[in-house]
N, C-alpha and C. Protein backbone atom coordinates (compact mmCIF):
# COMPACT_ATOMS: atom_id res chain seq x y z
N MET A 1 78.53 92.67 93.50
CA MET A 1 79.65 93.58 94.04
C MET A 1 81.11 92.87 93.28
N LYS A 2 80.95 91.70 93.74
CA LYS A 2 82.25 90.67 93.25
C LYS A 2 82.38 90.87 91.77
N LYS A 3 81.28 90.88 90.98
CA LYS A 3 81.53 90.96 89.64
C LYS A 3 82.16 92.23 89.38
N LEU A 4 81.57 93.31 89.66
CA LEU A 4 81.99 94.60 89.39
C LEU A 4 83.50 94.72 89.80
N ILE A 5 83.92 94.35 90.86
CA ILE A 5 85.40 94.17 91.25
C ILE A 5 86.32 93.55 90.30
N ILE A 6 85.76 92.21 89.86
CA ILE A 6 86.42 91.48 88.76
C ILE A 6 86.49 92.21 87.45
N LEU A 7 85.32 92.66 87.28
CA LEU A 7 85.38 93.63 85.71
C LEU A 7 86.46 94.63 85.77
N VAL A 8 86.49 95.43 86.87
CA VAL A 8 87.56 96.63 87.02
C VAL A 8 88.88 96.05 86.88
N VAL A 9 89.35 94.89 87.74
CA VAL A 9 90.54 94.28 87.69
C VAL A 9 90.91 93.98 86.16
N ALA A 10 89.85 93.37 85.79
CA ALA A 10 90.43 92.60 84.26
C ALA A 10 90.48 93.90 83.48
N LEU A 11 89.68 94.67 83.37
CA LEU A 11 90.08 95.90 82.53
C LEU A 11 91.25 96.80 82.69
N THR A 12 91.67 96.68 83.88
CA THR A 12 92.73 97.24 83.99
C THR A 12 93.86 96.79 83.76
N SER A 13 93.83 95.34 83.78
CA SER A 13 95.03 94.71 83.44
C SER A 13 95.14 94.26 82.15
N LEU A 14 94.11 94.47 81.11
CA LEU A 14 94.10 94.56 79.75
C LEU A 14 94.44 95.69 79.12
N THR A 15 94.58 97.19 79.80
CA THR A 15 94.78 98.17 79.00
C THR A 15 96.29 98.20 78.93
N ALA A 16 96.66 98.88 77.84
CA ALA A 16 98.30 99.09 77.33
C ALA A 16 98.57 100.11 77.94
N CYS A 17 99.89 100.03 78.28
CA CYS A 17 100.30 101.13 78.76
C CYS A 17 101.13 102.16 77.78
N ALA A 18 101.20 103.47 78.16
CA ALA A 18 101.56 104.52 77.30
C ALA A 18 103.16 104.29 77.06
N PRO A 19 103.85 104.63 76.02
CA PRO A 19 105.15 104.57 76.00
C PRO A 19 105.81 105.43 76.91
N LYS A 20 107.06 105.22 77.31
CA LYS A 20 107.77 106.11 78.49
C LYS A 20 107.96 107.62 77.38
N VAL A 21 108.14 108.70 77.86
CA VAL A 21 108.26 109.93 77.46
C VAL A 21 109.69 109.84 77.22
N GLY A 22 110.16 110.48 75.60
CA GLY A 22 111.44 110.20 75.20
C GLY A 22 111.88 109.05 74.81
N SER A 23 111.09 107.76 74.57
CA SER A 23 111.50 106.81 73.86
C SER A 23 111.12 106.92 72.61
N LYS A 24 111.67 106.24 71.99
CA LYS A 24 111.59 106.25 69.96
C LYS A 24 110.01 106.19 69.89
N GLU A 25 109.52 105.30 70.48
CA GLU A 25 107.94 104.93 70.43
C GLU A 25 107.06 106.38 70.91
N TRP A 26 107.38 106.88 71.84
CA TRP A 26 106.85 108.00 72.34
C TRP A 26 106.78 108.97 71.35
N CYS A 27 108.17 109.30 70.64
CA CYS A 27 108.55 110.09 69.59
C CYS A 27 107.50 110.04 68.45
N GLU A 28 107.63 108.76 67.96
CA GLU A 28 106.69 108.50 66.83
C GLU A 28 105.42 108.59 67.05
N ASP A 29 104.69 108.28 68.28
CA ASP A 29 103.34 108.50 68.68
C ASP A 29 102.93 110.07 68.70
N MET A 30 103.86 110.99 68.96
CA MET A 30 103.71 112.33 68.81
C MET A 30 103.99 112.92 67.49
N LYS A 31 104.70 112.12 66.47
CA LYS A 31 104.77 112.68 65.23
C LYS A 31 103.41 112.57 64.55
N GLU A 32 102.90 111.57 65.00
CA GLU A 32 101.53 111.02 64.47
C GLU A 32 100.18 111.95 64.90
N LYS A 33 100.55 112.38 66.31
CA LYS A 33 99.45 112.98 66.82
C LYS A 33 99.04 114.72 66.35
N ASP A 34 97.96 114.91 66.16
CA ASP A 34 97.84 116.24 65.79
C ASP A 34 98.40 117.10 66.67
N LYS A 35 99.44 118.18 66.14
CA LYS A 35 100.12 119.18 66.91
C LYS A 35 99.15 120.13 67.53
N GLY A 36 97.95 120.33 66.94
CA GLY A 36 97.04 121.14 67.72
C GLY A 36 96.60 120.54 69.29
N ASN A 37 96.42 119.26 69.20
CA ASN A 37 96.28 118.68 70.57
C ASN A 37 97.13 118.37 71.43
N TRP A 38 98.58 119.05 71.35
CA TRP A 38 99.54 118.72 72.33
C TRP A 38 99.46 119.42 73.47
N THR A 39 99.85 119.10 74.51
CA THR A 39 99.79 120.15 75.64
C THR A 39 101.28 120.76 75.68
N ALA A 40 101.22 121.58 76.50
CA ALA A 40 102.47 122.35 76.60
C ALA A 40 103.47 121.39 77.33
N ASN A 41 103.27 120.67 77.97
CA ASN A 41 104.37 119.71 78.55
C ASN A 41 104.82 118.66 77.74
N GLU A 42 103.76 118.26 76.54
CA GLU A 42 104.06 117.38 75.37
C GLU A 42 105.02 118.23 74.44
N SER A 43 104.73 119.23 74.27
CA SER A 43 105.39 119.87 73.52
C SER A 43 106.83 120.29 73.89
N MET A 44 107.18 120.51 75.00
CA MET A 44 108.39 120.83 75.71
C MET A 44 109.20 119.40 75.55
N ASN A 45 108.49 118.60 75.94
CA ASN A 45 109.19 117.16 76.28
C ASN A 45 109.44 116.55 74.89
N PHE A 46 108.56 116.90 73.80
CA PHE A 46 109.02 116.60 72.45
C PHE A 46 110.21 117.14 71.76
N ALA A 47 110.48 118.69 72.18
CA ALA A 47 111.62 119.35 71.93
C ALA A 47 112.86 118.84 72.49
N LYS A 48 112.66 118.65 73.80
CA LYS A 48 113.60 118.15 74.59
C LYS A 48 114.11 116.96 74.24
N HIS A 49 113.50 115.80 74.11
CA HIS A 49 113.72 114.42 73.82
C HIS A 49 113.93 113.81 72.38
N CYS A 50 112.83 114.64 71.50
CA CYS A 50 113.00 114.12 70.27
C CYS A 50 113.58 114.98 69.20
N ILE A 51 113.75 116.16 69.34
CA ILE A 51 114.44 117.22 68.48
C ILE A 51 116.09 117.49 68.65
N PHE A 52 115.91 117.92 70.20
CA PHE A 52 117.56 118.33 70.55
C PHE A 52 118.26 116.95 70.82
N ASN A 53 118.01 116.00 71.50
CA ASN A 53 118.33 114.80 71.73
C ASN A 53 117.93 113.50 70.71
N GLU A 54 118.70 112.52 70.72
CA GLU A 54 117.78 111.39 70.23
C GLU A 54 117.23 110.75 71.03
N PRO A 55 116.24 110.02 70.65
CA PRO A 55 115.18 109.13 71.68
C PRO A 55 116.26 108.18 72.26
N LYS A 56 115.76 107.82 73.60
CA LYS A 56 116.36 106.60 74.07
C LYS A 56 115.19 105.48 73.95
N ASP A 57 115.79 104.47 73.88
CA ASP A 57 114.89 103.11 73.98
C ASP A 57 114.21 102.90 75.12
């Protein structure tokens, strides 16, 4: 059981965090993502943060 807990903690600490919605990195990631795979929320956030406003760092 200890090995399983250590493995879970190690894996969660090694995973990368997604960029914050509205950041330059997020806008760039969304531009590269297939638009057919965007959710409705992603589409609205992309328009709000990346088209109508300049992305914030």
